[in-house]
Amino acid sequence: MSSDVRKRSVTIAGHRTSFSLEDAFWSELQGIATRRDMAIAELVAEVDEGRDGNLSSALRLYVLANLQGRLGRDRDPDMPSGHEEAPEDQ
């Protein structure tokens, strides 16, 4: 997967908005939209409404939070957040 930053454009609230994302973030954002059964423009609009800072950064942080939330469901409930057991500790 390319680490190149690419310019993307969507129409939200009746106007064209552009942002720059790496392919990995774009792919994950599309996956989130698919899982939520919504268009990518709807998801970008949702992030846009609640953002602080620029849209590209807000989208990256949204993807990160979504992934962390999904990973958190798979963690040991007794394990403090952010502390994974090393394989030799298991």
N, C-alpha and C. Protein backbone atom coordinates (compact mmCIF):
# COMPACT_ATOMS: atom_id res chain seq x y z
N MET A 1 0.85 -1.17 0.00
CA MET A 1 0.00 0.00 0.00
C MET A 1 0.90 1.24 0.00
N SER A 2 0.57 2.19 -0.78
CA SER A 2 1.38 3.39 -0.93
C SER A 2 1.25 4.31 0.27
N SER A 3 2.36 4.95 0.63
CA SER A 3 2.32 5.93 1.71
C SER A 3 2.20 7.34 1.15
N ASP A 4 2.03 7.45 -0.16
CA ASP A 4 1.86 8.75 -0.78
C ASP A 4 0.58 9.40 -0.29
N VAL A 5 0.65 10.70 -0.07
CA VAL A 5 -0.53 11.47 0.31
C VAL A 5 -1.23 11.86 -0.98
N ARG A 6 -2.52 11.58 -1.05
CA ARG A 6 -3.30 11.91 -2.25
C ARG A 6 -4.43 12.86 -1.88
N LYS A 7 -4.70 13.77 -2.80
CA LYS A 7 -5.79 14.71 -2.64
C LYS A 7 -7.10 14.01 -2.98
N ARG A 8 -8.08 14.13 -2.12
CA ARG A 8 -9.41 13.54 -2.33
C ARG A 8 -10.43 14.68 -2.28
N SER A 9 -11.56 14.50 -2.94
CA SER A 9 -12.62 15.51 -2.92
C SER A 9 -13.97 14.82 -2.74
N VAL A 10 -14.82 15.44 -1.95
CA VAL A 10 -16.20 15.00 -1.78
C VAL A 10 -17.08 16.24 -1.71
N THR A 11 -18.35 16.04 -1.95
CA THR A 11 -19.31 17.14 -1.81
C THR A 11 -20.05 16.96 -0.50
N ILE A 12 -19.94 17.96 0.36
CA ILE A 12 -20.68 17.96 1.62
C ILE A 12 -21.34 19.33 1.80
N ALA A 13 -22.54 19.29 2.31
CA ALA A 13 -23.31 20.52 2.52
C ALA A 13 -23.37 21.36 1.25
N GLY A 14 -23.45 20.69 0.10
CA GLY A 14 -23.61 21.39 -1.16
C GLY A 14 -22.36 22.02 -1.74
N HIS A 15 -21.22 21.81 -1.11
CA HIS A 15 -19.99 22.36 -1.69
C HIS A 15 -18.89 21.31 -1.71
N ARG A 16 -17.98 21.48 -2.65
CA ARG A 16 -16.87 20.55 -2.83
C ARG A 16 -15.82 20.83 -1.75
N THR A 17 -15.40 19.79 -1.08
CA THR A 17 -14.38 19.89 -0.04
C THR A 17 -13.27 18.92 -0.38
N SER A 18 -12.04 19.36 -0.24
CA SER A 18 -10.92 18.46 -0.52
C SER A 18 -10.05 18.31 0.73
N PHE A 19 -9.38 17.19 0.78
CA PHE A 19 -8.48 16.87 1.89
C PHE A 19 -7.43 15.93 1.35
N SER A 20 -6.37 15.75 2.08
CA SER A 20 -5.28 14.88 1.66
C SER A 20 -5.12 13.74 2.65
N LEU A 21 -5.10 12.52 2.13
CA LEU A 21 -4.93 11.33 2.98
C LEU A 21 -4.04 10.31 2.28
N GLU A 22 -3.31 9.56 3.08
CA GLU A 22 -2.57 8.42 2.58
C GLU A 22 -3.56 7.33 2.20
N ASP A 23 -3.14 6.43 1.30
CA ASP A 23 -4.02 5.36 0.85
C ASP A 23 -4.55 4.51 2.00
N ALA A 24 -3.72 4.23 3.00
CA ALA A 24 -4.14 3.39 4.12
C ALA A 24 -5.29 4.04 4.89
N PHE A 25 -5.21 5.34 5.12
CA PHE A 25 -6.29 6.03 5.83
C PHE A 25 -7.55 6.09 4.96
N TRP A 26 -7.38 6.34 3.67
CA TRP A 26 -8.53 6.39 2.76
C TRP A 26 -9.25 5.04 2.71
N SER A 27 -8.47 3.98 2.60
CA SER A 27 -9.04 2.64 2.55
C SER A 27 -9.81 2.32 3.83
N GLU A 28 -9.24 2.66 4.95
CA GLU A 28 -9.90 2.39 6.23
C GLU A 28 -11.15 3.25 6.38
N LEU A 29 -11.09 4.49 5.94
CA LEU A 29 -12.25 5.38 6.00
C LEU A 29 -13.39 4.82 5.15
N GLN A 30 -13.06 4.29 3.97
CA GLN A 30 -14.07 3.66 3.13
C GLN A 30 -14.66 2.43 3.82
N GLY A 31 -13.83 1.66 4.49
CA GLY A 31 -14.31 0.49 5.22
C GLY A 31 -15.26 0.86 6.34
N ILE A 32 -14.93 1.94 7.05
CA ILE A 32 -15.80 2.41 8.14
C ILE A 32 -17.15 2.82 7.56
N ALA A 33 -17.13 3.56 6.46
CA ALA A 33 -18.38 4.00 5.82
C ALA A 33 -19.21 2.78 5.40
N THR A 34 -18.56 1.79 4.84
CA THR A 34 -19.26 0.57 4.41
C THR A 34 -19.88 -0.13 5.61
N ARG A 35 -19.11 -0.29 6.69
CA ARG A 35 -19.64 -0.96 7.90
C ARG A 35 -20.81 -0.19 8.50
N ARG A 36 -20.77 1.12 8.36
CA ARG A 36 -21.86 1.95 8.90
C ARG A 36 -22.98 2.14 7.89
N ASP A 37 -22.86 1.53 6.72
CA ASP A 37 -23.86 1.61 5.66
C ASP A 37 -24.18 3.06 5.28
N MET A 38 -23.10 3.80 5.00
CA MET A 38 -23.27 5.20 4.61
C MET A 38 -22.27 5.55 3.51
N ALA A 39 -22.59 6.59 2.78
CA ALA A 39 -21.69 7.06 1.73
C ALA A 39 -20.47 7.71 2.38
N ILE A 40 -19.34 7.66 1.68
CA ILE A 40 -18.12 8.26 2.20
C ILE A 40 -18.32 9.76 2.45
N ALA A 41 -19.08 10.43 1.58
CA ALA A 41 -19.35 11.87 1.77
C ALA A 41 -20.12 12.12 3.06
N GLU A 42 -21.03 11.22 3.42
CA GLU A 42 -21.77 11.37 4.69
C GLU A 42 -20.84 11.25 5.88
N LEU A 43 -19.92 10.29 5.81
CA LEU A 43 -18.98 10.10 6.90
C LEU A 43 -18.04 11.30 7.03
N VAL A 44 -17.53 11.78 5.90
CA VAL A 44 -16.66 12.96 5.93
C VAL A 44 -17.42 14.16 6.49
N ALA A 45 -18.68 14.33 6.12
CA ALA A 45 -19.49 15.43 6.64
C ALA A 45 -19.65 15.32 8.16
N GLU A 46 -19.84 14.11 8.65
CA GLU A 46 -19.99 13.89 10.09
C GLU A 46 -18.71 14.29 10.83
N VAL A 47 -17.57 13.88 10.29
CA VAL A 47 -16.29 14.24 10.90
C VAL A 47 -16.08 15.74 10.80
N ASP A 48 -16.43 16.31 9.66
CA ASP A 48 -16.26 17.74 9.43
C ASP A 48 -17.05 18.57 10.44
N GLU A 49 -18.25 18.14 10.77
CA GLU A 49 -19.09 18.88 11.71
C GLU A 49 -18.48 18.99 13.10
N GLY A 50 -17.79 17.95 13.53
CA GLY A 50 -17.27 17.95 14.90
C GLY A 50 -15.78 18.18 15.02
N ARG A 51 -15.17 18.66 13.98
CA ARG A 51 -13.71 18.72 14.00
C ARG A 51 -13.16 20.00 14.61
N ASP A 52 -11.94 19.85 15.13
CA ASP A 52 -11.08 20.98 15.49
C ASP A 52 -9.86 20.83 14.61
N GLY A 53 -9.38 21.89 14.02
CA GLY A 53 -8.22 21.78 13.14
C GLY A 53 -8.64 21.48 11.72
N ASN A 54 -7.67 21.02 10.93
CA ASN A 54 -7.99 20.80 9.52
C ASN A 54 -8.65 19.44 9.29
N LEU A 55 -9.33 19.34 8.18
CA LEU A 55 -10.13 18.15 7.89
C LEU A 55 -9.26 16.91 7.72
N SER A 56 -8.13 17.03 7.06
CA SER A 56 -7.25 15.86 6.87
C SER A 56 -6.83 15.26 8.20
N SER A 57 -6.42 16.11 9.12
CA SER A 57 -6.02 15.63 10.45
C SER A 57 -7.20 15.03 11.19
N ALA A 58 -8.34 15.66 11.10
CA ALA A 58 -9.54 15.16 11.78
C ALA A 58 -9.92 13.78 11.25
N LEU A 59 -9.80 13.56 9.96
CA LEU A 59 -10.12 12.26 9.38
C LEU A 59 -9.13 11.19 9.85
N ARG A 60 -7.86 11.52 9.91
CA ARG A 60 -6.86 10.56 10.40
C ARG A 60 -7.15 10.19 11.85
N LEU A 61 -7.45 11.19 12.67
CA LEU A 61 -7.75 10.94 14.08
C LEU A 61 -9.03 10.12 14.24
N TYR A 62 -10.00 10.35 13.38
CA TYR A 62 -11.23 9.57 13.41
C TYR A 62 -10.95 8.10 13.10
N VAL A 63 -10.15 7.86 12.07
CA VAL A 63 -9.79 6.49 11.71
C VAL A 63 -9.04 5.83 12.85
N LEU A 64 -8.09 6.54 13.44
CA LEU A 64 -7.32 5.99 14.56
C LEU A 64 -8.24 5.64 15.73
N ALA A 65 -9.13 6.54 16.11
CA ALA A 65 -10.05 6.29 17.22
C ALA A 65 -10.95 5.09 16.92
N ASN A 66 -11.42 4.99 15.67
CA ASN A 66 -12.26 3.87 15.28
C ASN A 66 -11.51 2.55 15.42
N LEU A 67 -10.28 2.51 14.93
CA LEU A 67 -9.47 1.29 15.03
C LEU A 67 -9.18 0.95 16.48
N GLN A 68 -8.85 1.95 17.29
CA GLN A 68 -8.58 1.70 18.71
C GLN A 68 -9.83 1.17 19.40
N GLY A 69 -10.98 1.69 19.05
CA GLY A 69 -12.22 1.20 19.63
C GLY A 69 -12.50 -0.24 19.25
N ARG A 70 -12.25 -0.57 18.00
CA ARG A 70 -12.47 -1.95 17.56
C ARG A 70 -11.47 -2.89 18.19
N LEU A 71 -10.23 -2.48 18.32
CA LEU A 71 -9.21 -3.31 18.97
C LEU A 71 -9.51 -3.49 20.45
N GLY A 72 -10.05 -2.46 21.07
CA GLY A 72 -10.38 -2.51 22.49
C GLY A 72 -11.39 -3.59 22.81
N ARG A 73 -12.27 -3.88 21.86
CA ARG A 73 -13.27 -4.93 22.08
C ARG A 73 -12.62 -6.31 22.11
N ASP A 74 -11.42 -6.43 21.51
CA ASP A 74 -10.74 -7.72 21.45
C ASP A 74 -9.75 -7.91 22.59
N ARG A 75 -9.49 -6.87 23.37
CA ARG A 75 -8.52 -6.95 24.45
C ARG A 75 -9.08 -7.70 25.64
N ASP A 76 -8.18 -8.19 26.46
CA ASP A 76 -8.53 -8.79 27.75
C ASP A 76 -9.15 -7.70 28.62
N PRO A 77 -10.37 -7.87 29.12
CA PRO A 77 -11.01 -6.81 29.90
C PRO A 77 -10.26 -6.48 31.18
N ASP A 78 -9.42 -7.38 31.67
CA ASP A 78 -8.64 -7.10 32.88
C ASP A 78 -7.32 -6.40 32.58
N MET A 79 -6.98 -6.29 31.29
CA MET A 79 -5.72 -5.66 30.89
C MET A 79 -5.95 -4.16 30.75
N PRO A 80 -5.12 -3.33 31.39
CA PRO A 80 -5.28 -1.87 31.23
C PRO A 80 -5.10 -1.47 29.78
N SER A 81 -5.84 -0.47 29.35
CA SER A 81 -5.79 0.01 27.96
C SER A 81 -4.37 0.42 27.61
N GLY A 82 -3.93 0.00 26.41
CA GLY A 82 -2.62 0.39 25.93
C GLY A 82 -1.49 -0.49 26.40
N HIS A 83 -1.79 -1.52 27.20
CA HIS A 83 -0.75 -2.40 27.71
C HIS A 83 -1.02 -3.82 27.22
N GLU A 84 -0.30 -4.19 26.21
CA GLU A 84 -0.44 -5.53 25.65
C GLU A 84 0.58 -6.44 26.28
N GLU A 85 0.21 -7.67 26.50
CA GLU A 85 1.17 -8.65 27.01
C GLU A 85 2.14 -9.01 25.90
N ALA A 86 3.41 -9.08 26.25
CA ALA A 86 4.41 -9.55 25.29
C ALA A 86 4.25 -11.06 25.17
N PRO A 87 4.54 -11.63 23.99
CA PRO A 87 4.36 -13.08 23.80
C PRO A 87 5.06 -13.90 24.86
N GLU A 88 6.26 -13.47 25.34
CA GLU A 88 6.97 -14.25 26.33
C GLU A 88 6.33 -14.17 27.71
N ASP A 89 5.42 -13.18 27.93
CA ASP A 89 4.72 -13.05 29.21
C ASP A 89 3.48 -13.92 29.28
N GLN A 90 3.09 -14.52 28.19
CA GLN A 90 1.83 -15.26 28.14
C GLN A 90 2.01 -16.66 28.66
